[in-house]
PDB file of all heavy atoms in Angstrom:
ATOM      1  N   SER A   1       0.886  -1.159   0.049  1.00  0.00           N
ATOM      2  CA  SER A   1       0.016   0.011  -0.044  1.00  0.00           C
ATOM      3  C   SER A   1       0.819   1.328  -0.058  1.00  0.00           C
ATOM      4  O   SER A   1       0.614   2.201  -0.688  1.00  0.00           O
ATOM      5  CB  SER A   1      -0.948   0.019   1.296  1.00  0.00           C
ATOM      6  OG  SER A   1      -1.794  -1.035   1.202  1.00  0.00           O
ATOM      7  N   ALA A   2       1.969   1.233   0.782  1.00  0.00           N
ATOM      8  CA  ALA A   2       2.764   2.438   0.934  1.00  0.00           C
ATOM      9  C   ALA A   2       3.505   2.518  -0.434  1.00  0.00           C
ATOM     10  O   ALA A   2       3.676   3.695  -0.932  1.00  0.00           O
ATOM     11  CB  ALA A   2       3.863   2.243   2.024  1.00  0.00           C
ATOM     12  N   LYS A   3       3.968   1.481  -1.052  1.00  0.00           N
ATOM     13  CA  LYS A   3       4.656   1.492  -2.374  1.00  0.00           C
ATOM     14  C   LYS A   3       3.666   2.091  -3.396  1.00  0.00           C
ATOM     15  O   LYS A   3       4.140   2.927  -4.183  1.00  0.00           O
ATOM     16  CB  LYS A   3       5.057   0.024  -2.751  1.00  0.00           C
ATOM     17  CG  LYS A   3       6.056   0.050  -3.788  1.00  0.00           C
ATOM     18  CD  LYS A   3       6.826  -1.386  -3.951  1.00  0.00           C
ATOM     19  CE  LYS A   3       6.079  -2.163  -4.945  1.00  0.00           C
ATOM     20  NZ  LYS A   3       6.731  -3.460  -5.226  1.00  0.00           N
ATOM     21  N   ARG A   4       2.385   1.658  -3.462  1.00  0.00           N
ATOM     22  CA  ARG A   4       1.451   2.112  -4.449  1.00  0.00           C
ATOM     23  C   ARG A   4       1.199   3.644  -4.179  1.00  0.00           C
ATOM     24  O   ARG A   4       1.194   4.430  -5.183  1.00  0.00           O
ATOM     25  CB  ARG A   4       0.136   1.406  -4.298  1.00  0.00           C
ATOM     26  CG  ARG A   4       0.146   0.168  -5.102  1.00  0.00           C
ATOM     27  CD  ARG A   4      -1.353  -0.372  -5.224  1.00  0.00           C
ATOM     28  NE  ARG A   4      -1.968  -0.603  -3.877  1.00  0.00           N
ATOM     29  CZ  ARG A   4      -1.718  -1.758  -3.264  1.00  0.00           C
ATOM     30  NH1 ARG A   4      -0.920  -2.718  -3.723  1.00  0.00           N
ATOM     31  NH2 ARG A   4      -2.335  -1.921  -2.104  1.00  0.00           N
ATOM     32  N   ALA A   5       1.077   4.157  -2.863  1.00  0.00           N
ATOM     33  CA  ALA A   5       0.967   5.569  -2.546  1.00  0.00           C
ATOM     34  C   ALA A   5       2.100   6.366  -3.066  1.00  0.00           C
ATOM     35  O   ALA A   5       1.886   7.403  -3.605  1.00  0.00           O
ATOM     36  CB  ALA A   5       0.664   5.734  -1.110  1.00  0.00           C
ATOM     37  N   ALA A   6       3.274   5.790  -2.852  1.00  0.00           N
ATOM     38  CA  ALA A   6       4.546   6.576  -3.277  1.00  0.00           C
ATOM     39  C   ALA A   6       4.616   6.672  -4.830  1.00  0.00           C
ATOM     40  O   ALA A   6       4.900   7.672  -5.213  1.00  0.00           O
ATOM     41  CB  ALA A   6       5.820   5.785  -2.672  1.00  0.00           C
ATOM     42  N   LYS A   7       4.233   5.607  -5.476  1.00  0.00           N
ATOM     43  CA  LYS A   7       4.259   5.534  -6.945  1.00  0.00           C
ATOM     44  C   LYS A   7       3.239   6.695  -7.523  1.00  0.00           C
ATOM     45  O   LYS A   7       3.473   7.382  -8.325  1.00  0.00           O
ATOM     46  CB  LYS A   7       4.014   4.181  -7.402  1.00  0.00           C
ATOM     47  CG  LYS A   7       4.049   4.266  -8.971  1.00  0.00           C
ATOM     48  CD  LYS A   7       4.034   2.899  -9.565  1.00  0.00           C
ATOM     49  CE  LYS A   7       4.048   2.889 -11.091  1.00  0.00           C
ATOM     50  NZ  LYS A   7       4.162   4.013 -11.878  1.00  0.00           N
ATOM     51  N   GLU A   8       2.070   6.527  -6.811  1.00  0.00           N
ATOM     52  CA  GLU A   8       1.059   7.604  -7.281  1.00  0.00           C
ATOM     53  C   GLU A   8       1.492   8.983  -7.042  1.00  0.00           C
ATOM     54  O   GLU A   8       1.326   9.841  -7.874  1.00  0.00           O
ATOM     55  CB  GLU A   8      -0.315   7.377  -6.524  1.00  0.00           C
ATOM     56  CG  GLU A   8      -1.016   6.074  -6.904  1.00  0.00           C
ATOM     57  CD  GLU A   8      -2.349   5.942  -6.117  1.00  0.00           C
ATOM     58  OE1 GLU A   8      -2.803   6.868  -5.517  1.00  0.00           O
ATOM     59  OE2 GLU A   8      -2.709   4.765  -6.002  1.00  0.00           O
ATOM     60  N   GLN A   9       2.168   9.286  -5.941  1.00  0.00           N
ATOM     61  CA  GLN A   9       2.610  10.559  -5.617  1.00  0.00           C
ATOM     62  C   GLN A   9       3.695  11.025  -6.674  1.00  0.00           C
ATOM     63  O   GLN A   9       3.795  12.210  -7.022  1.00  0.00           O
ATOM     64  CB  GLN A   9       3.192  10.633  -4.122  1.00  0.00           C
ATOM     65  CG  GLN A   9       3.544  12.021  -3.717  1.00  0.00           C
ATOM     66  CD  GLN A   9       2.370  13.008  -3.629  1.00  0.00           C
ATOM     67  OE1 GLN A   9       1.330  12.623  -3.353  1.00  0.00           O
ATOM     68  NE2 GLN A   9       2.746  14.278  -3.817  1.00  0.00           N
ATOM     69  N   PHE A  10       4.678  10.120  -6.911  1.00  0.00           N
ATOM     70  CA  PHE A  10       5.719  10.284  -7.795  1.00  0.00           C
ATOM     71  C   PHE A  10       5.064  10.627  -9.246  1.00  0.00           C
ATOM     72  O   PHE A  10       5.480  11.562  -9.875  1.00  0.00           O
ATOM     73  CB  PHE A  10       6.623   9.107  -7.991  1.00  0.00           C
ATOM     74  CG  PHE A  10       7.806   9.231  -8.992  1.00  0.00           C
ATOM     75  CD1 PHE A  10       8.800  10.090  -8.686  1.00  0.00           C
ATOM     76  CD2 PHE A  10       7.565   8.701 -10.106  1.00  0.00           C
ATOM     77  CE1 PHE A  10       9.828  10.128  -9.518  1.00  0.00           C
ATOM     78  CE2 PHE A  10       8.640   8.878 -11.106  1.00  0.00           C
ATOM     79  CZ  PHE A  10       9.767   9.647 -10.781  1.00  0.00           C
ATOM     80  N   ASP A  11       4.125   9.770  -9.676  1.00  0.00           N
ATOM     81  CA  ASP A  11       3.469   9.994 -10.915  1.00  0.00           C
ATOM     82  C   ASP A  11       2.714  11.357 -11.026  1.00  0.00           C
ATOM     83  O   ASP A  11       2.888  12.099 -11.952  1.00  0.00           O
ATOM     84  CB  ASP A  11       2.426   8.971 -11.197  1.00  0.00           C
ATOM     85  CG  ASP A  11       3.134   7.636 -11.482  1.00  0.00           C
ATOM     86  OD1 ASP A  11       4.357   7.548 -11.811  1.00  0.00           O
ATOM     87  OD2 ASP A  11       2.453   6.546 -11.499  1.00  0.00           O
ATOM     88  N   ASN A  12       2.143  11.791  -9.910  1.00  0.00           N
ATOM     89  CA  ASN A  12       1.499  13.118  -9.903  1.00  0.00           C
ATOM     90  C   ASN A  12       2.506  14.215 -10.084  1.00  0.00           C
ATOM     91  O   ASN A  12       2.275  15.147 -10.720  1.00  0.00           O
ATOM     92  CB  ASN A  12       0.807  13.278  -8.548  1.00  0.00           C
ATOM     93  CG  ASN A  12      -0.503  12.500  -8.407  1.00  0.00           C
ATOM     94  OD1 ASN A  12      -1.038  12.108  -9.542  1.00  0.00           O
ATOM     95  ND2 ASN A  12      -1.068  12.267  -7.346  1.00  0.00           N
ATOM     96  N   ILE A  13       3.776  14.023  -9.427  1.00  0.00           N
ATOM     97  CA  ILE A  13       4.722  15.158  -9.492  1.00  0.00           C
ATOM     98  C   ILE A  13       5.310  15.195 -10.871  1.00  0.00           C
ATOM     99  O   ILE A  13       5.599  16.283 -11.398  1.00  0.00           O
ATOM    100  CB  ILE A  13       5.786  14.923  -8.408  1.00  0.00           C
ATOM    101  CG1 ILE A  13       5.253  15.136  -7.045  1.00  0.00           C
ATOM    102  CG2 ILE A  13       7.015  15.745  -8.642  1.00  0.00           C
ATOM    103  CD1 ILE A  13       6.190  14.686  -5.920  1.00  0.00           C
ATOM    104  N   THR A  14       5.507  14.005 -11.405  1.00  0.00           N
ATOM    105  CA  THR A  14       6.288  13.951 -12.773  1.00  0.00           C
ATOM    106  C   THR A  14       5.337  14.050 -13.949  1.00  0.00           C
ATOM    107  O   THR A  14       5.844  14.108 -15.029  1.00  0.00           O
ATOM    108  CB  THR A  14       7.143  12.724 -12.859  1.00  0.00           C
ATOM    109  OG1 THR A  14       6.438  11.579 -12.681  1.00  0.00           O
ATOM    110  CG2 THR A  14       8.251  12.648 -11.807  1.00  0.00           C
ATOM    111  N   ASP A  15       4.089  13.987 -13.741  1.00  0.00           N
ATOM    112  CA  ASP A  15       3.119  14.049 -14.851  1.00  0.00           C
ATOM    113  C   ASP A  15       2.891  15.529 -15.151  1.00  0.00           C
ATOM    114  O   ASP A  15       1.972  16.142 -14.641  1.00  0.00           O
ATOM    115  CB  ASP A  15       1.905  13.220 -14.506  1.00  0.00           C
ATOM    116  CG  ASP A  15       0.886  13.354 -15.753  1.00  0.00           C
ATOM    117  OD1 ASP A  15       1.364  13.422 -16.847  1.00  0.00           O
ATOM    118  OD2 ASP A  15      -0.347  13.219 -15.450  1.00  0.00           O
ATOM    119  N   THR A  16       3.776  16.111 -15.925  1.00  0.00           N
ATOM    120  CA  THR A  16       3.668  17.570 -16.231  1.00  0.00           C
ATOM    121  C   THR A  16       3.094  17.819 -17.671  1.00  0.00           C
ATOM    122  O   THR A  16       3.031  16.924 -18.489  1.00  0.00           O
ATOM    123  CB  THR A  16       5.072  18.227 -16.197  1.00  0.00           C
ATOM    124  OG1 THR A  16       5.927  17.576 -16.915  1.00  0.00           O
ATOM    125  CG2 THR A  16       5.483  18.035 -14.702  1.00  0.00           C
ATOM    126  N   GLU A  17       2.862  19.089 -17.903  1.00  0.00           N
ATOM    127  CA  GLU A  17       2.251  19.459 -19.310  1.00  0.00           C
ATOM    128  C   GLU A  17       3.264  19.205 -20.380  1.00  0.00           C
ATOM    129  O   GLU A  17       4.443  19.558 -20.188  1.00  0.00           O
ATOM    130  CB  GLU A  17       1.780  20.972 -19.153  1.00  0.00           C
ATOM    131  CG  GLU A  17       0.813  21.315 -20.087  1.00  0.00           C
ATOM    132  CD  GLU A  17      -0.596  20.701 -19.892  1.00  0.00           C
ATOM    133  OE1 GLU A  17      -1.029  20.657 -18.760  1.00  0.00           O
ATOM    134  OE2 GLU A  17      -1.157  20.439 -20.928  1.00  0.00           O
ATOM    135  N   ASP A  18       2.847  18.650 -21.436  1.00  0.00           N
ATOM    136  CA  ASP A  18       3.750  18.502 -22.618  1.00  0.00           C
ATOM    137  C   ASP A  18       3.217  19.337 -23.758  1.00  0.00           C
ATOM    138  O   ASP A  18       2.083  19.336 -24.193  1.00  0.00           O
ATOM    139  CB  ASP A  18       3.530  16.991 -23.027  1.00  0.00           C
ATOM    140  CG  ASP A  18       4.572  16.599 -24.023  1.00  0.00           C
ATOM    141  OD1 ASP A  18       5.160  17.398 -24.647  1.00  0.00           O
ATOM    142  OD2 ASP A  18       4.844  15.354 -24.154  1.00  0.00           O
ATOM    143  N   TYR A  19       4.141  20.244 -24.275  1.00  0.00           N
ATOM    144  CA  TYR A  19       3.908  21.133 -25.301  1.00  0.00           C
ATOM    145  C   TYR A  19       4.629  20.752 -26.488  1.00  0.00           C
ATOM    146  O   TYR A  19       4.806  21.585 -27.515  1.00  0.00           O
ATOM    147  CB  TYR A  19       4.404  22.598 -24.899  1.00  0.00           C
ATOM    148  CG  TYR A  19       3.543  23.104 -23.743  1.00  0.00           C
ATOM    149  CD1 TYR A  19       4.037  23.008 -22.407  1.00  0.00           C
ATOM    150  CD2 TYR A  19       2.306  23.661 -23.927  1.00  0.00           C
ATOM    151  CE1 TYR A  19       3.339  23.497 -21.340  1.00  0.00           C
ATOM    152  CE2 TYR A  19       1.565  24.151 -22.826  1.00  0.00           C
ATOM    153  CZ  TYR A  19       2.118  24.079 -21.608  1.00  0.00           C
ATOM    154  OH  TYR A  19       1.306  24.592 -20.556  1.00  0.00           O
ATOM    155  N   THR A  20       5.066  19.511 -26.599  1.00  0.00           N
ATOM    156  CA  THR A  20       5.914  19.102 -27.838  1.00  0.00           C
ATOM    157  C   THR A  20       5.046  19.308 -29.145  1.00  0.00           C
ATOM    158  O   THR A  20       5.631  19.729 -30.139  1.00  0.00           O
ATOM    159  CB  THR A  20       6.212  17.579 -27.741  1.00  0.00           C
ATOM    160  OG1 THR A  20       6.910  17.529 -26.485  1.00  0.00           O
ATOM    161  CG2 THR A  20       7.174  17.197 -28.810  1.00  0.00           C
ATOM    162  N   ASN A  21       3.746  19.081 -29.082  1.00  0.00           N
ATOM    163  CA  ASN A  21       2.955  19.163 -30.305  1.00  0.00           C
ATOM    164  C   ASN A  21       2.785  20.607 -30.861  1.00  0.00           C
ATOM    165  O   ASN A  21       2.424  20.839 -31.958  1.00  0.00           O
ATOM    166  CB  ASN A  21       1.580  18.509 -30.151  1.00  0.00           C
ATOM    167  CG  ASN A  21       1.692  17.112 -30.058  1.00  0.00           C
ATOM    168  OD1 ASN A  21       2.601  16.483 -30.546  1.00  0.00           O
ATOM    169  ND2 ASN A  21       0.766  16.506 -29.364  1.00  0.00           N
ATOM    170  N   SER A  22       3.126  21.524 -30.053  1.00  0.00           N
ATOM    171  CA  SER A  22       3.013  22.926 -30.366  1.00  0.00           C
ATOM    172  C   SER A  22       4.374  23.472 -31.131  1.00  0.00           C
ATOM    173  O   SER A  22       4.210  24.559 -31.691  1.00  0.00           O
ATOM    174  CB  SER A  22       2.813  23.888 -29.112  1.00  0.00           C
ATOM    175  OG  SER A  22       4.035  23.920 -28.305  1.00  0.00           O
ATOM    176  N   CYS A  23       5.378  22.547 -31.228  1.00  0.00           N
ATOM    177  CA  CYS A  23       6.524  22.948 -31.894  1.00  0.00           C
ATOM    178  C   CYS A  23       6.643  22.056 -33.186  1.00  0.00           C
ATOM    179  O   CYS A  23       6.191  20.898 -33.206  1.00  0.00           O
ATOM    180  CB  CYS A  23       7.792  22.713 -31.108  1.00  0.00           C
ATOM    181  SG  CYS A  23       7.793  23.576 -29.471  1.00  0.00           S
ATOM    182  N   SER A  24       7.139  22.599 -34.273  1.00  0.00           N
ATOM    183  CA  SER A  24       7.196  21.833 -35.461  1.00  0.00           C
ATOM    184  C   SER A  24       8.306  20.881 -35.319  1.00  0.00           C
ATOM    185  O   SER A  24       9.297  21.058 -34.660  1.00  0.00           O
ATOM    186  CB  SER A  24       7.535  22.754 -36.671  1.00  0.00           C
ATOM    187  OG  SER A  24       8.783  23.292 -36.678  1.00  0.00           O
ATOM    188  N   PRO A  25       8.190  19.633 -36.107  1.00  0.00           N
ATOM    189  CA  PRO A  25       9.289  18.727 -36.007  1.00  0.00           C
ATOM    190  C   PRO A  25      10.621  19.170 -36.511  1.00  0.00           C
ATOM    191  O   PRO A  25      11.664  18.797 -36.036  1.00  0.00           O
ATOM    192  CB  PRO A  25       8.699  17.565 -36.975  1.00  0.00           C
ATOM    193  CG  PRO A  25       7.155  17.684 -36.920  1.00  0.00           C
ATOM    194  CD  PRO A  25       6.987  19.146 -36.834  1.00  0.00           C
ATOM    195  N   GLU A  26      10.530  20.027 -37.545  1.00  0.00           N
ATOM    196  CA  GLU A  26      11.876  20.637 -38.021  1.00  0.00           C
ATOM    197  C   GLU A  26      12.474  21.552 -36.987  1.00  0.00           C
ATOM    198  O   GLU A  26      13.682  21.599 -36.762  1.00  0.00           O
ATOM    199  CB  GLU A  26      11.585  21.499 -39.249  1.00  0.00           C
ATOM    200  CG  GLU A  26      11.020  20.739 -40.446  1.00  0.00           C
ATOM    201  CD  GLU A  26       9.524  20.497 -40.436  1.00  0.00           C
ATOM    202  OE1 GLU A  26       8.732  21.300 -39.667  1.00  0.00           O
ATOM    203  OE2 GLU A  26       8.995  19.518 -41.003  1.00  0.00           O
TER     204      GLU A  26
END
């Protein structure tokens, strides 16, 4: 349970906004 909670917390912190699609591949 503690491991799951720590993983959820880590995922919440590292799940950040991704703006890659707003930049052209070139």
